[in-house]
Amino acid sequence: MISLFLVEDERIARESIRDNVPWQEHDILFLGDAPDGEVALPQLLEKRPDILLTDIKMPFMDGLELARIVRKELPDTRIIILSGHNEFEYARKAITLGVNDYLLKPVSSRDILEAVDRSKAQILECRARRIERQSHSITQRELFFSNLYSGILMGPAQMLQRAAQLGISLAAGAYQIILTELDGVIPDREALRDKLYAAPMAYGSGFDGERATFLLLAEDAAGLPPKLREFSAWLEALAGQEGLSVHLLPGKQAARLSDLPKAYHLLTIQKKQRESADSKTLSHSTSFQRDTLLDFLRTGKPSALPSFWAHYRPTIESGYSSFVYRCYLYTELFFVVHEFCQENRIPLPESLRQEDLLEKRILLTNSVDDFLTLACQLCEEVMEVRPGGSRHTPSAEQARAYIDRHYMDPELSLSSVANAVSVSPNHLSTLFKSKIGVGFSEYLTEVRIRQAKRLLITSDLRVSEVGERVGYQNMEYFSMLFKKNTGQTPSQYRRSHTL
């Protein structure tokens, strides 16, 4: 999540921005606010926000001086200036200091959010580039094999191209996946991983300290058995040197690269069947099962998705810090969604068509919540278009009707409406925009302003009472929105429409 800190000396403006801009709906973590640069600076250095939103003209330390110090001490922080001054000199100084955006007052929530979203996009892009630079060949290798076994890499050409970029040659006439398990004390996992991945006759991946997956290649099917014997002897020798014991589980042979996802799936089923009689259980197997998720996608209610995934949350949390485990989780999720779509002859969700989706998710993910949010979103998308539809799929019309009935509730939000119609906030936001033609916040504002106009003309209520009647507790914010939408203040509107 992107974090933001606000500096504004005008109390009403500061509180209005802090309390009325829907930060959470835009995935912004509001870290705090301060009345001037002097008070703000120590908090900024401690909290290190991604975005600084600051006024220019303030006592003690103005916004330009604060921006100069922040640019030096926190070079990655994006700076957005709020100013009542449109003189060129202010803008020139701001540009010189490396300010990223410059907004002239008065500003609406939408103006602020648009500027914040621009900075947010730039921050995420910078993070992605930084992670790309920092990630070394091992990480890229893990991601590649996760993609390969999950079926996300579609077609031999794409598979071979991605492999060649990593220096991996996959051109062969026959393939075989081997699951291995090592028992014993491993003092240096990274050193052992490097030795395993240096296997001369197989490509290793997914090593988590106990288990690893290997891919054997041969010119034809007849060449795989001797390759397997050679690999087994090599691995046993390495394990002996490390004081470990090793167990191998070979999978079925595959004639094509495109057959590898199915071969991997069958091998994991075989592994789980063997483990069911064993006291030692693979930690991954305690996560969601493919068959269980598939059954839920076929018959479950979209509204029950949060509960479904909440059941697996403790297990997922226990291993989520492991990069290899995250590869496993996303691979399993994407594989099941692919399989469900193929089974029902429905199109893949748009997000799954992105070639580098798995890399982005695993490298940029911050928490278990990120995984569970994506899981709910993907499952909800395919359940809605499954054959026969979903009797439980809410419509944007239901959400619109709910807003029309509850617009006067000051606590009304995207999350509360989504909860009322049993969908996720992210999905409702997308669905509402596509079906109604305007965004959720825009429509709610339209309804409230329309009702406020009616009350101003037909009642003797004070302007502040009108604002409260239509869901606004902050008079300044209500007046600002009303003028933005009508071109007049509430009082001006009443006078111009009253005889």
Protein backbone atom coordinates (compact mmCIF):
# COMPACT_ATOMS: atom_id res chain seq x y z
CA MET A 1 0.00 0.00 0.00
CA ILE A 2 1.19 3.53 -0.79
CA SER A 3 1.53 5.87 2.22
CA LEU A 4 0.83 9.61 2.36
CA PHE A 5 1.45 12.48 4.81
CA LEU A 6 -0.44 15.81 4.72
CA VAL A 7 0.90 19.26 5.71
CA GLU A 8 -1.65 22.11 5.69
CA ASP A 9 -1.81 25.11 8.04
CA GLU A 10 -5.54 25.84 7.57
CA ARG A 11 -7.28 23.59 10.10
CA ILE A 12 -10.61 23.27 8.26
CA ALA A 13 -8.91 22.46 4.96
CA ARG A 14 -6.55 20.00 6.65
CA GLU A 15 -9.35 18.17 8.45
CA SER A 16 -11.51 18.15 5.32
CA ILE A 17 -8.76 16.55 3.22
CA ARG A 18 -7.86 14.13 5.98
CA ASP A 19 -11.40 13.00 6.79
CA ASN A 20 -13.29 13.26 3.50
CA VAL A 21 -10.94 12.03 0.82
CA PRO A 22 -11.58 8.26 0.46
CA TRP A 23 -7.95 7.24 0.93
CA GLN A 24 -8.61 3.60 1.74
CA GLU A 25 -10.69 3.04 -1.37
CA HIS A 26 -7.68 4.09 -3.43
CA ASP A 27 -5.26 1.87 -1.44
CA ILE A 28 -3.61 4.85 0.25
CA LEU A 29 -2.39 4.59 3.83
CA PHE A 30 -2.87 8.00 5.48
CA LEU A 31 0.06 8.29 7.92
CA GLY A 32 -0.89 11.59 9.54
CA ASP A 33 -0.97 15.36 9.18
CA ALA A 34 0.73 18.48 10.54
CA PRO A 35 -0.03 22.24 10.53
CA ASP A 36 3.38 23.39 9.23
CA GLY A 37 6.71 22.17 7.91
CA GLU A 38 8.54 22.48 11.22
CA VAL A 39 6.11 20.15 12.99
CA ALA A 40 5.94 17.84 9.99
CA LEU A 41 9.65 17.33 9.33
CA PRO A 42 10.56 14.99 12.24
CA GLN A 43 7.43 12.91 11.53
CA LEU A 44 8.33 12.69 7.86
CA LEU A 45 11.85 11.53 8.62
CA GLU A 46 10.48 8.90 11.00
CA LYS A 47 7.52 7.64 8.92
CA ARG A 48 9.12 8.06 5.47
CA PRO A 49 5.89 8.39 3.44
CA ASP A 50 5.71 7.53 -0.24
CA ILE A 51 3.84 10.79 -0.95
CA LEU A 52 4.00 14.21 0.73
CA LEU A 53 0.97 16.44 0.12
CA THR A 54 1.83 19.94 1.36
CA ASP A 55 0.62 23.52 1.21
CA ILE A 56 3.15 26.19 0.20
CA LYS A 57 2.40 29.22 2.36
CA MET A 58 2.70 28.17 6.03
CA PRO A 59 4.22 29.66 9.18
CA PHE A 60 7.60 28.62 10.63
CA MET A 61 8.61 26.52 7.60
CA ASP A 62 6.82 26.87 4.28
CA GLY A 63 6.09 24.12 1.79
CA LEU A 64 8.95 24.95 -0.56
CA GLU A 65 11.54 24.79 2.22
CA LEU A 66 10.01 21.55 3.46
CA ALA A 67 10.09 20.15 -0.09
CA ARG A 68 13.78 21.09 -0.41
CA ILE A 69 14.68 19.17 2.77
CA VAL A 70 12.48 16.18 1.93
CA ARG A 71 13.94 15.94 -1.55
CA LYS A 72 17.41 15.74 0.02
CA GLU A 73 16.61 13.42 2.96
CA LEU A 74 13.89 11.29 1.36
CA PRO A 75 14.69 11.24 -2.37
CA ASP A 76 12.12 8.54 -3.15
CA THR A 77 9.20 10.49 -1.65
CA ARG A 78 6.88 12.02 -4.25
CA ILE A 79 5.89 15.63 -3.46
CA ILE A 80 2.57 17.21 -4.37
CA ILE A 81 2.17 20.94 -3.72
CA LEU A 82 -1.14 22.60 -2.79
CA SER A 83 -1.09 26.31 -3.45
CA GLY A 84 -3.39 29.30 -3.62
CA HIS A 85 -0.77 31.06 -5.71
CA ASN A 86 -0.66 30.70 -9.46
CA GLU A 87 2.33 32.98 -9.96
CA PHE A 88 5.00 31.55 -12.22
CA GLU A 89 7.70 32.09 -9.61
CA TYR A 90 6.13 29.58 -7.21
CA ALA A 91 5.78 26.99 -9.94
CA ARG A 92 9.34 27.63 -11.10
CA LYS A 93 10.73 27.10 -7.60
CA ALA A 94 8.64 23.97 -7.18
CA ILE A 95 9.97 22.53 -10.44
CA THR A 96 13.54 23.40 -9.42
CA LEU A 97 13.05 21.49 -6.17
CA GLY A 98 11.80 18.40 -8.00
CA VAL A 99 8.17 18.67 -6.94
CA ASN A 100 6.13 16.03 -8.78
CA ASP A 101 2.74 17.75 -8.96
CA TYR A 102 1.34 21.24 -8.38
CA LEU A 103 -2.37 21.82 -7.55
CA LEU A 104 -4.02 25.23 -7.34
CA LYS A 105 -6.62 25.79 -4.64
CA PRO A 106 -9.50 25.33 -4.31
CA VAL A 107 -9.13 21.61 -4.99
CA SER A 108 -11.69 18.82 -4.80
CA SER A 109 -11.21 15.29 -3.54
CA ARG A 110 -11.16 14.18 -7.15
CA ASP A 111 -8.35 16.63 -8.00
CA ILE A 112 -6.30 15.38 -5.06
CA LEU A 113 -6.93 11.71 -5.83
CA GLU A 114 -6.03 12.16 -9.50
CA ALA A 115 -2.70 13.72 -8.50
CA VAL A 116 -2.12 11.04 -5.87
CA ASP A 117 -2.98 8.28 -8.36
CA ARG A 118 -0.45 9.72 -10.81
CA SER A 119 2.24 9.65 -8.14
CA LYS A 120 1.11 6.20 -7.04
CA ALA A 121 1.50 4.85 -10.58
CA GLN A 122 4.99 6.34 -10.78
CA ILE A 123 5.94 4.86 -7.40
CA LEU A 124 4.73 1.39 -8.36
CA GLU A 125 6.60 1.62 -11.64
CA CYS A 126 9.78 2.62 -9.82
CA ARG A 127 9.35 -0.21 -7.35
CA ALA A 128 8.89 -2.69 -10.15
CA ARG A 129 12.04 -1.48 -11.90
CA ARG A 130 14.01 -1.58 -8.64
CA ILE A 131 12.88 -5.10 -7.88
CA GLU A 132 13.72 -6.13 -11.42
CA ARG A 133 17.24 -4.77 -11.03
CA GLN A 134 17.72 -6.37 -7.62
CA SER A 135 16.35 -9.80 -8.43
CA HIS A 136 19.09 -12.16 -9.58
CA SER A 137 19.00 -15.20 -11.84
CA ILE A 138 17.77 -17.59 -9.12
CA THR A 139 14.60 -15.57 -8.58
CA GLN A 140 13.95 -15.37 -12.31
CA ARG A 141 14.51 -19.09 -12.58
CA GLU A 142 11.95 -19.83 -9.86
CA LEU A 143 9.41 -17.60 -11.53
CA PHE A 144 10.00 -19.19 -14.90
CA PHE A 145 9.46 -22.74 -13.68
CA SER A 146 6.40 -21.67 -11.68
CA ASN A 147 5.00 -20.22 -14.90
CA LEU A 148 5.98 -23.31 -16.86
CA TYR A 149 4.35 -25.81 -14.49
CA SER A 150 1.22 -23.71 -13.93
CA GLY A 151 0.47 -23.46 -17.65
CA ILE A 152 0.66 -19.66 -17.76
CA LEU A 153 3.34 -19.78 -20.47
CA MET A 154 1.10 -20.57 -23.41
CA GLY A 155 2.66 -22.33 -26.41
CA PRO A 156 6.13 -23.79 -27.05
CA ALA A 157 7.40 -20.62 -28.74
CA GLN A 158 6.78 -18.50 -25.65
CA MET A 159 8.22 -21.18 -23.35
CA LEU A 160 11.40 -21.53 -25.40
CA GLN A 161 11.81 -17.77 -25.74
CA ARG A 162 11.51 -17.14 -21.99
CA ALA A 163 13.85 -20.05 -21.24
CA ALA A 164 16.47 -18.75 -23.68
CA GLN A 165 16.41 -15.36 -21.91
CA LEU A 166 17.52 -17.19 -18.74
CA GLY A 167 20.13 -19.33 -20.49
CA ILE A 168 17.97 -22.45 -20.21
CA SER A 169 17.70 -24.77 -23.21
CA LEU A 170 14.40 -26.63 -23.29
CA ALA A 171 14.64 -27.99 -26.84
CA ALA A 172 14.13 -31.75 -26.48
CA GLY A 173 12.00 -34.66 -27.66
CA ALA A 174 10.95 -35.93 -24.21
CA TYR A 175 10.58 -34.51 -20.70
CA GLN A 176 10.14 -35.84 -17.17
CA ILE A 177 9.51 -33.99 -13.89
CA ILE A 178 11.07 -35.36 -10.69
CA LEU A 179 9.99 -34.37 -7.17
CA THR A 180 12.71 -34.81 -4.56
CA GLU A 181 12.79 -34.63 -0.78
CA LEU A 182 15.89 -34.27 1.39
CA ASP A 183 16.03 -35.36 5.03
CA GLY A 184 18.61 -34.13 7.52
CA VAL A 185 20.17 -31.00 8.93
CA ILE A 186 20.97 -28.37 6.30
CA PRO A 187 23.26 -25.66 7.75
CA ASP A 188 23.42 -23.52 4.61
CA ARG A 189 20.33 -23.69 2.43
CA GLU A 190 21.55 -21.23 -0.19
CA ALA A 191 24.79 -23.15 -0.71
CA LEU A 192 22.88 -26.42 -1.09
CA ARG A 193 20.40 -24.80 -3.45
CA ASP A 194 23.23 -23.63 -5.69
CA LYS A 195 24.64 -27.16 -5.79
CA LEU A 196 21.25 -28.68 -6.59
CA TYR A 197 20.58 -26.20 -9.36
CA ALA A 198 23.99 -27.01 -10.85
CA ALA A 199 22.83 -30.54 -11.69
CA PRO A 200 24.47 -31.35 -15.05
CA MET A 201 21.56 -33.29 -16.49
CA ALA A 202 18.43 -31.59 -15.04
CA TYR A 203 16.99 -28.16 -14.26
CA GLY A 204 16.16 -27.64 -10.58
CA SER A 205 13.65 -25.22 -9.04
CA GLY A 206 11.38 -24.71 -6.04
CA PHE A 207 13.94 -25.61 -3.36
CA ASP A 208 12.48 -24.69 0.05
CA GLY A 209 15.07 -26.28 2.33
CA GLU A 210 13.61 -29.78 2.10
CA ARG A 211 12.12 -30.27 -1.35
CA ALA A 212 13.02 -29.43 -4.94
CA THR A 213 11.61 -30.10 -8.40
CA PHE A 214 13.77 -31.17 -11.35
CA LEU A 215 13.10 -31.33 -15.07
CA LEU A 216 14.89 -34.00 -17.13
CA LEU A 217 15.29 -33.62 -20.90
CA ALA A 218 16.21 -36.20 -23.52
CA GLU A 219 16.21 -36.53 -27.30
CA ASP A 220 13.40 -39.08 -27.14
CA ALA A 221 11.44 -41.19 -24.66
CA ALA A 222 14.05 -43.96 -24.74
CA GLY A 223 16.67 -41.52 -23.52
CA LEU A 224 14.86 -40.62 -20.28
CA PRO A 225 15.41 -43.83 -18.20
CA PRO A 226 19.24 -43.65 -18.44
CA LYS A 227 19.05 -39.91 -17.73
CA LEU A 228 16.95 -40.63 -14.63
CA ARG A 229 19.47 -43.25 -13.41
CA GLU A 230 22.32 -40.82 -13.96
CA PHE A 231 20.48 -38.05 -12.14
CA SER A 232 19.55 -40.34 -9.23
CA ALA A 233 23.18 -41.40 -8.79
CA TRP A 234 24.35 -37.77 -8.91
CA LEU A 235 21.76 -36.60 -6.39
CA GLU A 236 22.43 -39.47 -3.98
CA ALA A 237 26.15 -38.71 -4.12
CA LEU A 238 25.50 -35.03 -3.37
CA ALA A 239 23.16 -35.92 -0.51
CA GLY A 240 25.79 -38.27 0.93
CA GLN A 241 28.39 -35.50 0.87
CA GLU A 242 25.97 -33.26 2.76
CA GLY A 243 25.01 -35.93 5.28
CA LEU A 244 21.45 -36.16 3.96
CA SER A 245 19.12 -38.84 2.71
CA VAL A 246 17.11 -38.29 -0.47
CA HIS A 247 13.82 -39.61 -1.88
CA LEU A 248 12.78 -39.29 -5.52
CA LEU A 249 9.34 -39.43 -7.10
CA PRO A 250 9.51 -39.47 -10.93
CA GLY A 251 6.52 -38.29 -12.92
CA LYS A 252 5.13 -39.51 -16.20
CA GLN A 253 7.01 -38.74 -19.38
CA ALA A 254 5.82 -35.83 -21.52
CA ALA A 255 6.38 -35.59 -25.25
CA ARG A 256 5.72 -31.85 -25.49
CA LEU A 257 6.45 -28.76 -23.44
CA SER A 258 2.73 -27.99 -23.42
CA ASP A 259 2.14 -31.31 -21.61
CA LEU A 260 4.27 -30.30 -18.61
CA PRO A 261 1.50 -28.54 -16.60
CA LYS A 262 -0.67 -31.67 -16.73
CA ALA A 263 2.29 -33.89 -15.89
CA TYR A 264 3.14 -31.69 -12.93
CA HIS A 265 -0.47 -31.74 -11.73
CA LEU A 266 -0.62 -35.55 -11.87
CA LEU A 267 2.71 -35.80 -10.07
CA THR A 268 1.57 -33.58 -7.20
CA ILE A 269 -1.56 -35.72 -6.83
CA GLN A 270 0.64 -38.83 -6.71
CA LYS A 271 2.82 -37.12 -4.09
CA LYS A 272 -0.15 -36.28 -1.89
CA GLN A 273 -1.49 -39.81 -2.14
CA ARG A 274 1.85 -41.17 -1.00
CA GLU A 275 2.00 -38.69 1.85
CA SER A 276 -1.49 -39.54 3.10
CA ALA A 277 -0.05 -42.73 4.61
CA ASP A 278 2.99 -40.89 5.95
CA SER A 279 3.27 -39.05 9.24
CA LYS A 280 5.40 -36.40 7.53
CA THR A 281 3.19 -34.13 5.43
CA LEU A 282 4.36 -31.64 2.88
CA SER A 283 3.63 -28.18 4.31
CA HIS A 284 2.18 -27.07 0.98
CA SER A 285 -0.47 -29.78 1.09
CA THR A 286 -2.18 -28.12 4.03
CA SER A 287 -3.07 -25.18 1.81
CA PHE A 288 -6.14 -25.23 -0.37
CA GLN A 289 -6.59 -28.35 -2.49
CA ARG A 290 -7.09 -28.05 -6.23
CA ASP A 291 -10.12 -30.35 -6.25
CA THR A 292 -11.71 -28.47 -3.34
CA LEU A 293 -11.30 -25.13 -5.08
CA LEU A 294 -12.55 -26.53 -8.38
CA ASP A 295 -15.68 -27.90 -6.70
CA PHE A 296 -16.33 -24.53 -5.09
CA LEU A 297 -15.93 -22.73 -8.41
CA ARG A 298 -18.45 -25.10 -9.96
CA THR A 299 -21.17 -24.90 -7.30
CA GLY A 300 -20.36 -22.27 -4.68
CA LYS A 301 -21.78 -18.81 -4.14
CA PRO A 302 -19.61 -15.82 -5.03
CA SER A 303 -20.70 -14.18 -1.77
CA ALA A 304 -19.12 -17.07 0.16
CA LEU A 305 -15.65 -16.55 -1.35
CA PRO A 306 -14.28 -14.50 1.59
CA SER A 307 -15.31 -17.28 4.00
CA PHE A 308 -13.85 -19.95 1.74
CA TRP A 309 -10.44 -18.28 1.65
CA ALA A 310 -10.55 -17.22 5.31
CA HIS A 311 -10.53 -20.93 6.19
CA TYR A 312 -7.06 -21.28 4.62
CA ARG A 313 -5.64 -18.01 5.89
CA PRO A 314 -3.80 -19.39 8.98
CA THR A 315 -2.00 -22.00 6.89
CA ILE A 316 -1.11 -19.52 4.16
CA GLU A 317 0.19 -17.03 6.73
CA SER A 318 2.46 -19.66 8.29
CA GLY A 319 4.51 -20.08 5.13
CA TYR A 320 3.94 -16.85 3.22
CA SER A 321 7.32 -15.32 4.03
CA SER A 322 8.95 -18.03 1.90
CA PHE A 323 9.48 -16.98 -1.71
CA VAL A 324 9.21 -20.58 -2.89
CA TYR A 325 5.94 -21.03 -1.01
CA ARG A 326 4.49 -17.91 -2.65
CA CYS A 327 5.48 -19.34 -6.03
CA TYR A 328 3.62 -22.50 -5.07
CA LEU A 329 0.49 -20.63 -3.94
CA TYR A 330 0.15 -18.47 -7.03
CA THR A 331 0.98 -21.40 -9.31
CA GLU A 332 -1.78 -23.51 -7.73
CA LEU A 333 -4.32 -20.69 -7.89
CA PHE A 334 -3.62 -19.81 -11.51
CA PHE A 335 -3.58 -23.47 -12.52
CA VAL A 336 -7.03 -24.10 -11.03
CA VAL A 337 -8.52 -21.00 -12.66
CA HIS A 338 -7.02 -22.06 -16.01
CA GLU A 339 -8.43 -25.57 -15.61
CA PHE A 340 -11.88 -24.27 -14.66
CA CYS A 341 -11.98 -21.95 -17.67
CA GLN A 342 -10.93 -24.74 -20.04
CA GLU A 343 -13.43 -27.14 -18.49
CA ASN A 344 -16.30 -24.67 -19.01
CA ARG A 345 -15.03 -23.16 -22.27
CA ILE A 346 -15.09 -19.65 -20.87
CA PRO A 347 -12.46 -16.94 -21.46
CA LEU A 348 -9.67 -16.40 -19.01
CA PRO A 349 -9.97 -13.31 -16.80
CA GLU A 350 -8.21 -10.40 -18.46
CA SER A 351 -5.61 -10.19 -15.68
CA LEU A 352 -4.48 -13.78 -16.31
CA ARG A 353 -3.65 -12.94 -19.91
CA GLN A 354 -0.82 -10.70 -18.77
CA GLU A 355 2.40 -12.49 -19.59
CA ASP A 356 4.27 -11.30 -16.51
CA LEU A 357 1.41 -11.50 -14.00
CA LEU A 358 2.99 -14.22 -11.86
CA GLU A 359 6.30 -12.38 -11.65
CA LYS A 360 4.62 -9.13 -10.62
CA ARG A 361 2.44 -10.80 -8.02
CA ILE A 362 5.20 -12.80 -6.36
CA LEU A 363 7.83 -10.07 -6.47
CA LEU A 364 5.63 -7.10 -5.54
CA THR A 365 3.28 -8.79 -3.10
CA ASN A 366 3.33 -7.32 0.40
CA SER A 367 1.01 -9.49 2.44
CA VAL A 368 -1.31 -12.47 2.66
CA ASP A 369 -4.14 -9.97 2.07
CA ASP A 370 -2.74 -9.31 -1.42
CA PHE A 371 -2.95 -13.00 -2.27
CA LEU A 372 -6.43 -13.47 -0.78
CA THR A 373 -7.76 -10.36 -2.53
CA LEU A 374 -6.52 -11.62 -5.88
CA ALA A 375 -7.86 -15.12 -5.17
CA CYS A 376 -11.34 -13.77 -4.40
CA GLN A 377 -11.25 -11.48 -7.44
CA LEU A 378 -10.22 -14.19 -9.92
CA CYS A 379 -12.66 -16.73 -8.53
CA GLU A 380 -15.50 -14.22 -8.57
CA GLU A 381 -14.82 -13.29 -12.19
CA VAL A 382 -14.96 -16.86 -13.49
CA MET A 383 -17.92 -17.88 -11.30
CA GLU A 384 -20.00 -15.09 -12.79
CA VAL A 385 -19.57 -16.38 -16.33
CA ARG A 386 -19.76 -20.10 -15.60
CA PRO A 387 -22.43 -22.02 -17.53
CA GLY A 388 -25.88 -21.15 -16.27
CA GLY A 389 -24.57 -18.00 -14.65
CA SER A 390 -24.81 -17.47 -10.92
CA ARG A 391 -28.05 -17.10 -9.12
CA HIS A 392 -26.16 -15.22 -6.47
CA THR A 393 -24.44 -12.67 -8.71
CA PRO A 394 -25.51 -9.18 -7.67
CA SER A 395 -25.98 -6.53 -10.30
CA ALA A 396 -24.83 -2.96 -10.50
CA GLU A 397 -28.52 -2.06 -10.46
CA GLN A 398 -28.83 -3.51 -6.95
CA ALA A 399 -25.93 -1.36 -5.83
CA ARG A 400 -27.45 1.72 -7.47
CA ALA A 401 -30.81 1.04 -5.80
CA TYR A 402 -29.05 0.66 -2.45
CA ILE A 403 -27.33 4.03 -2.92
CA ASP A 404 -30.63 5.66 -3.88
CA ARG A 405 -32.18 4.39 -0.62
CA HIS A 406 -29.25 5.12 1.71
CA TYR A 407 -27.52 8.19 0.25
CA MET A 408 -28.29 10.15 3.43
CA ASP A 409 -26.08 7.81 5.51
CA PRO A 410 -22.76 9.65 6.13
CA GLU A 411 -21.02 6.28 6.55
CA LEU A 412 -22.08 5.05 3.11
CA SER A 413 -19.02 3.87 1.19
CA LEU A 414 -17.94 1.51 -1.55
CA SER A 415 -17.14 -1.11 1.09
CA SER A 416 -20.51 -0.85 2.85
CA VAL A 417 -22.46 -1.07 -0.43
CA ALA A 418 -20.32 -3.99 -1.60
CA ASN A 419 -21.04 -5.76 1.66
CA ALA A 420 -24.76 -5.09 1.26
CA VAL A 421 -24.86 -6.73 -2.18
CA SER A 422 -22.33 -9.49 -1.28
CA VAL A 423 -19.38 -8.71 -3.56
CA SER A 424 -15.87 -7.43 -3.02
CA PRO A 425 -15.32 -3.64 -3.17
CA ASN A 426 -12.86 -3.98 -6.06
CA HIS A 427 -15.29 -6.02 -8.12
CA LEU A 428 -18.20 -3.68 -7.38
CA SER A 429 -16.11 -0.69 -8.41
CA THR A 430 -15.35 -2.29 -11.80
CA LEU A 431 -18.90 -3.62 -12.28
CA PHE A 432 -20.53 -0.31 -11.34
CA LYS A 433 -18.40 1.69 -13.76
CA SER A 434 -19.04 -0.71 -16.66
CA LYS A 435 -22.80 -1.11 -16.10
CA ILE A 436 -23.86 2.33 -14.83
CA GLY A 437 -21.40 4.38 -16.85
CA VAL A 438 -19.96 6.42 -13.97
CA GLY A 439 -17.81 5.57 -10.98
CA PHE A 440 -19.24 4.73 -7.56
CA SER A 441 -18.12 7.97 -5.88
CA GLU A 442 -19.28 10.07 -8.82
CA TYR A 443 -22.73 8.51 -8.76
CA LEU A 444 -23.09 8.90 -4.98
CA THR A 445 -22.15 12.57 -5.27
CA GLU A 446 -24.66 13.07 -8.09
CA VAL A 447 -27.48 11.58 -5.99
CA ARG A 448 -26.60 13.64 -2.93
CA ILE A 449 -26.27 16.91 -4.84
CA ARG A 450 -29.54 16.24 -6.67
CA GLN A 451 -31.34 15.69 -3.36
CA ALA A 452 -29.65 18.75 -1.85
CA LYS A 453 -30.91 20.91 -4.74
CA ARG A 454 -34.43 19.63 -4.13
CA LEU A 455 -34.27 20.43 -0.41
CA LEU A 456 -32.82 23.90 -1.00
CA ILE A 457 -35.78 24.81 -3.23
CA THR A 458 -38.61 23.07 -1.38
CA SER A 459 -37.68 23.52 2.31
CA ASP A 460 -36.61 26.17 4.80
CA LEU A 461 -33.80 24.05 6.19
CA ARG A 462 -30.49 25.80 6.82
CA VAL A 463 -27.74 24.96 4.35
CA SER A 464 -25.87 22.99 7.01
CA GLU A 465 -29.03 20.97 7.74
CA VAL A 466 -29.46 20.25 4.03
CA GLY A 467 -25.90 18.96 3.90
CA GLU A 468 -26.55 16.68 6.87
CA ARG A 469 -29.81 15.42 5.35
CA VAL A 470 -27.98 14.22 2.24
CA GLY A 471 -25.04 12.60 4.04
CA TYR A 472 -22.44 15.34 4.51
CA GLN A 473 -21.30 16.09 8.04
CA ASN A 474 -18.66 18.60 7.00
CA MET A 475 -20.21 21.89 5.83
CA GLU A 476 -17.08 23.07 4.03
CA TYR A 477 -16.81 19.85 2.06
CA PHE A 478 -20.52 19.90 1.17
CA SER A 479 -20.30 23.48 -0.09
CA MET A 480 -17.18 22.71 -2.10
CA LEU A 481 -18.79 19.69 -3.81
CA PHE A 482 -22.04 21.55 -4.42
CA LYS A 483 -20.27 24.44 -6.13
CA LYS A 484 -18.10 22.09 -8.16
CA ASN A 485 -21.19 20.30 -9.48
CA THR A 486 -23.55 23.26 -9.96
CA GLY A 487 -21.29 26.28 -10.36
CA GLN A 488 -23.00 27.95 -7.38
CA THR A 489 -22.78 27.77 -3.62
CA PRO A 490 -25.84 26.25 -1.89
CA SER A 491 -26.99 29.73 -0.81
CA GLN A 492 -26.60 31.15 -4.31
CA TYR A 493 -28.49 28.21 -5.76
CA ARG A 494 -31.37 28.70 -3.31
CA ARG A 495 -31.64 32.43 -4.09
CA SER A 496 -31.55 31.89 -7.86
CA HIS A 497 -34.29 29.22 -7.73
CA THR A 498 -36.61 30.79 -5.18
CA LEU A 499 -39.22 33.46 -6.08
